[in-house]
Amino acid sequence: MKLILVRHGETVWNAERRLQGHADAPLSARGIEQAKRAAEFFSSGPPPDLVVSSDLSRAQRTAELLGFSSFDLDARLREMDLGDWTGRWIEQIEASDKDAYRNWRLGSFTPPMGESWKDFCVRVGAALDDALARSQGDAVIVAHEGVVRAACNVLIGLTPLSLSPITPAAITIFDVDRSAQPRGVRLAAYNFAPSPEGLRARGLDHAPV
């Protein structure tokens, strides 16, 4: 089976380089177009057996724009809880501690009152296990950048240090062999962007969650 993860389209806060976490900003006009372009990936193939979305509206709206009229919601697929960083601009964080944001992106720093990378991976891993157990065929998960990066860590052992930022509405695909013991997982595609310009941004901080 294939496990297909899609990051939500760009939001208004993404465009402002403002951190969301569990807060919920609407998709920007560009984000809507990104999701519509990503929908082409799904339009020509057979429908997945299971579609699950984060319960945050930016992910739900993206799932709708991808062409899925019915899908389950799972709060465990929310972005990482950023605690006191929620709603702050990246520039503000870097001005007060120039290394904090970068170290958070690398999984080695937890924002005040926020969720640790380890706890986040446990939460996301439980949601992934549940989706894999419930699906008889391919499964699609529509969620957040952090969720995709956590999936790479949980499923194939890639740490944040080894992963580039995820472009809005980008697709990541795992081939999963559930008959193998332990379960066999291979990364088939990572950060497949709906348009080439999505891959031109540079730096660790180009894709705030």
Protein backbone atom coordinates (compact mmCIF):
# COMPACT_ATOMS: atom_id res chain seq x y z
CA MET A 1 0.00 0.00 0.00
CA LYS A 2 0.93 3.64 -0.31
CA LEU A 3 0.73 6.10 2.55
CA ILE A 4 0.42 9.56 1.01
CA LEU A 5 0.91 12.66 3.14
CA VAL A 6 -0.03 16.15 1.94
CA ARG A 7 0.86 19.37 3.67
CA HIS A 8 -1.88 22.01 3.71
CA GLY A 9 -1.66 24.93 1.28
CA GLU A 10 -0.09 28.20 2.30
CA THR A 11 -2.03 30.16 4.92
CA VAL A 12 -2.17 33.88 5.55
CA TRP A 13 0.12 33.39 8.55
CA ASN A 14 2.57 31.26 6.52
CA ALA A 15 2.87 34.14 4.07
CA GLU A 16 3.56 36.51 6.97
CA ARG A 17 6.16 34.11 8.43
CA ARG A 18 4.03 33.84 11.54
CA LEU A 19 3.94 30.60 13.53
CA GLN A 20 0.61 28.78 13.89
CA GLY A 21 0.99 25.49 15.74
CA HIS A 22 -2.50 24.75 17.08
CA ALA A 23 -3.78 28.20 16.05
CA ASP A 24 -5.64 28.21 12.77
CA ALA A 25 -5.28 30.80 10.01
CA PRO A 26 -7.18 30.45 6.72
CA LEU A 27 -5.55 29.47 3.45
CA SER A 28 -4.24 32.37 1.40
CA ALA A 29 -5.26 32.81 -2.24
CA ARG A 30 -1.94 31.27 -3.19
CA GLY A 31 -2.56 28.36 -0.81
CA ILE A 32 -5.90 27.65 -2.45
CA GLU A 33 -4.24 27.51 -5.86
CA GLN A 34 -1.47 25.27 -4.52
CA ALA A 35 -4.03 22.79 -3.21
CA LYS A 36 -5.93 22.85 -6.49
CA ARG A 37 -2.75 22.06 -8.40
CA ALA A 38 -1.95 19.23 -5.99
CA ALA A 39 -5.43 17.82 -6.66
CA GLU A 40 -4.25 16.85 -10.15
CA PHE A 41 -2.13 14.12 -8.55
CA PHE A 42 -5.25 12.42 -7.23
CA SER A 43 -7.68 13.10 -10.07
CA SER A 44 -6.37 10.51 -12.52
CA GLY A 45 -5.80 7.55 -10.21
CA PRO A 46 -8.05 5.24 -8.20
CA PRO A 47 -9.48 6.77 -5.03
CA PRO A 48 -7.69 5.94 -1.77
CA ASP A 49 -9.28 3.55 0.67
CA LEU A 50 -8.92 6.01 3.55
CA VAL A 51 -8.51 9.78 3.84
CA VAL A 52 -7.72 11.35 7.21
CA SER A 53 -7.21 15.05 7.91
CA SER A 54 -5.94 17.03 10.84
CA ASP A 55 -8.91 18.64 12.55
CA LEU A 56 -7.49 22.13 11.99
CA SER A 57 -9.39 24.00 9.29
CA ARG A 58 -6.37 24.71 7.08
CA ALA A 59 -5.89 20.98 6.60
CA GLN A 60 -9.61 20.28 6.20
CA ARG A 61 -9.93 22.99 3.54
CA THR A 62 -6.94 21.56 1.71
CA ALA A 63 -8.50 18.08 1.77
CA GLU A 64 -11.65 19.51 0.21
CA LEU A 65 -9.65 21.29 -2.50
CA LEU A 66 -7.80 18.04 -3.23
CA GLY A 67 -11.17 16.63 -4.24
CA PHE A 68 -12.05 14.59 -1.16
CA SER A 69 -15.70 15.10 -0.23
CA SER A 70 -15.55 12.73 2.73
CA PHE A 71 -12.71 12.20 5.17
CA ASP A 72 -12.07 11.41 8.81
CA LEU A 73 -10.64 13.89 11.30
CA ASP A 74 -7.88 13.11 13.79
CA ALA A 75 -6.69 15.70 16.30
CA ARG A 76 -3.46 13.71 16.74
CA LEU A 77 -2.49 14.96 13.27
CA ARG A 78 -2.41 18.59 14.39
CA GLU A 79 0.80 20.55 13.98
CA MET A 80 3.15 20.65 16.95
CA ASP A 81 1.91 22.72 19.90
CA LEU A 82 4.20 25.75 19.92
CA GLY A 83 3.22 27.05 23.33
CA ASP A 84 4.36 30.64 23.85
CA TRP A 85 5.55 30.85 20.24
CA THR A 86 2.01 30.52 18.88
CA GLY A 87 1.15 33.58 16.82
CA ARG A 88 4.68 35.03 16.94
CA TRP A 89 6.66 36.10 13.91
CA ILE A 90 9.89 34.25 13.18
CA GLU A 91 11.82 37.52 13.17
CA GLN A 92 10.66 38.24 16.72
CA ILE A 93 11.91 34.88 17.95
CA GLU A 94 15.25 35.23 16.20
CA ALA A 95 15.70 38.74 17.57
CA SER A 96 15.40 37.49 21.16
CA ASP A 97 17.42 34.27 20.63
CA LYS A 98 19.14 33.91 17.27
CA ASP A 99 19.57 30.12 17.59
CA ALA A 100 16.24 29.11 19.13
CA TYR A 101 14.21 28.90 15.93
CA ARG A 102 16.88 27.01 14.02
CA ASN A 103 17.36 24.56 16.89
CA TRP A 104 13.61 24.02 17.10
CA ARG A 105 13.54 23.21 13.39
CA LEU A 106 16.26 20.64 14.05
CA GLY A 107 14.27 19.04 16.87
CA SER A 108 16.64 20.01 19.66
CA PHE A 109 14.72 22.90 21.25
CA THR A 110 11.21 23.06 22.73
CA PRO A 111 9.43 26.44 22.82
CA PRO A 112 8.32 27.57 26.28
CA MET A 113 5.11 25.73 27.23
CA GLY A 114 5.32 23.89 23.90
CA GLU A 115 5.44 20.26 22.82
CA SER A 116 8.77 18.45 22.55
CA TRP A 117 9.83 16.76 19.32
CA LYS A 118 9.81 13.39 21.10
CA ASP A 119 6.25 13.79 22.39
CA PHE A 120 5.11 15.11 19.02
CA CYS A 121 6.52 12.04 17.23
CA VAL A 122 4.75 9.73 19.68
CA ARG A 123 1.44 11.50 18.99
CA VAL A 124 1.86 11.46 15.22
CA GLY A 125 3.14 7.88 15.25
CA ALA A 126 -0.02 6.71 17.02
CA ALA A 127 -2.19 8.39 14.40
CA LEU A 128 -0.17 6.83 11.57
CA ASP A 129 -0.41 3.37 13.13
CA ASP A 130 -4.16 3.76 13.41
CA ALA A 131 -4.53 4.86 9.78
CA LEU A 132 -2.39 1.96 8.54
CA ALA A 133 -4.39 -0.53 10.59
CA ARG A 134 -7.73 0.78 9.30
CA SER A 135 -6.90 1.07 5.61
CA GLN A 136 -7.27 -1.91 3.30
CA GLY A 137 -5.58 -0.02 0.44
CA ASP A 138 -3.84 3.30 -0.06
CA ALA A 139 -4.28 5.94 2.64
CA VAL A 140 -4.05 9.72 2.36
CA ILE A 141 -3.27 12.00 5.29
CA VAL A 142 -3.72 15.76 4.95
CA ALA A 143 -1.90 17.58 7.70
CA HIS A 144 1.05 19.86 8.42
CA GLU A 145 4.75 20.23 7.74
CA GLY A 146 5.69 18.98 11.19
CA VAL A 147 3.50 15.91 10.77
CA VAL A 148 5.26 14.98 7.52
CA ARG A 149 8.67 15.44 9.10
CA ALA A 150 7.60 13.41 12.15
CA ALA A 151 6.34 10.66 9.84
CA CYS A 152 9.77 10.50 8.21
CA ASN A 153 11.32 10.16 11.66
CA VAL A 154 8.85 7.57 12.96
CA LEU A 155 8.57 5.41 9.83
CA ILE A 156 12.11 5.42 8.42
CA GLY A 157 14.32 7.04 11.04
CA LEU A 158 15.11 10.31 9.23
CA THR A 159 15.77 13.06 11.78
CA PRO A 160 14.92 16.74 11.25
CA LEU A 161 18.60 17.39 10.52
CA SER A 162 18.26 15.24 7.38
CA LEU A 163 15.04 16.81 6.10
CA SER A 164 14.52 19.95 4.06
CA PRO A 165 11.44 22.11 4.74
CA ILE A 166 8.15 20.96 3.24
CA THR A 167 6.58 23.18 0.60
CA PRO A 168 2.88 24.05 1.10
CA ALA A 169 0.62 21.46 -0.57
CA ALA A 170 3.61 19.20 -1.27
CA ILE A 171 3.13 15.43 -1.40
CA THR A 172 5.24 12.80 0.36
CA ILE A 173 4.73 9.09 -0.34
CA PHE A 174 5.73 5.97 1.57
CA ASP A 175 5.51 2.42 0.23
CA VAL A 176 4.37 0.24 3.12
CA ASP A 177 4.62 -3.55 3.25
CA ARG A 178 2.36 -4.56 6.10
CA SER A 179 3.07 -8.28 5.60
CA ALA A 180 6.72 -7.84 6.60
CA GLN A 181 7.82 -8.26 10.22
CA PRO A 182 8.68 -5.65 11.25
CA ARG A 183 6.57 -3.54 8.89
CA GLY A 184 8.53 -2.57 5.79
CA VAL A 185 8.50 1.12 4.84
CA ARG A 186 10.32 2.88 2.02
CA LEU A 187 10.27 6.56 1.06
CA ALA A 188 9.00 6.76 -2.53
CA ALA A 189 8.71 10.56 -2.87
CA TYR A 190 9.47 13.49 -0.60
CA ASN A 191 8.28 17.09 -0.89
CA PHE A 192 6.79 16.64 -4.37
CA ALA A 193 5.65 20.22 -5.00
CA PRO A 194 2.59 21.09 -7.09
CA SER A 195 4.60 23.74 -8.92
CA PRO A 196 8.36 24.21 -9.44
CA GLU A 197 8.53 27.60 -7.74
CA GLY A 198 7.65 25.91 -4.46
CA LEU A 199 11.09 24.33 -4.35
CA ARG A 200 13.04 27.52 -5.01
CA ALA A 201 12.81 28.98 -1.51
CA ARG A 202 15.99 28.62 0.48
CA GLY A 203 16.97 28.09 4.07
CA LEU A 204 15.74 26.23 7.12
CA ASP A 205 13.14 28.85 7.91
CA HIS A 206 11.31 29.28 4.62
CA ALA A 207 8.28 27.19 5.59
CA PRO A 208 6.90 28.26 8.99
CA VAL A 209 4.29 25.82 10.33
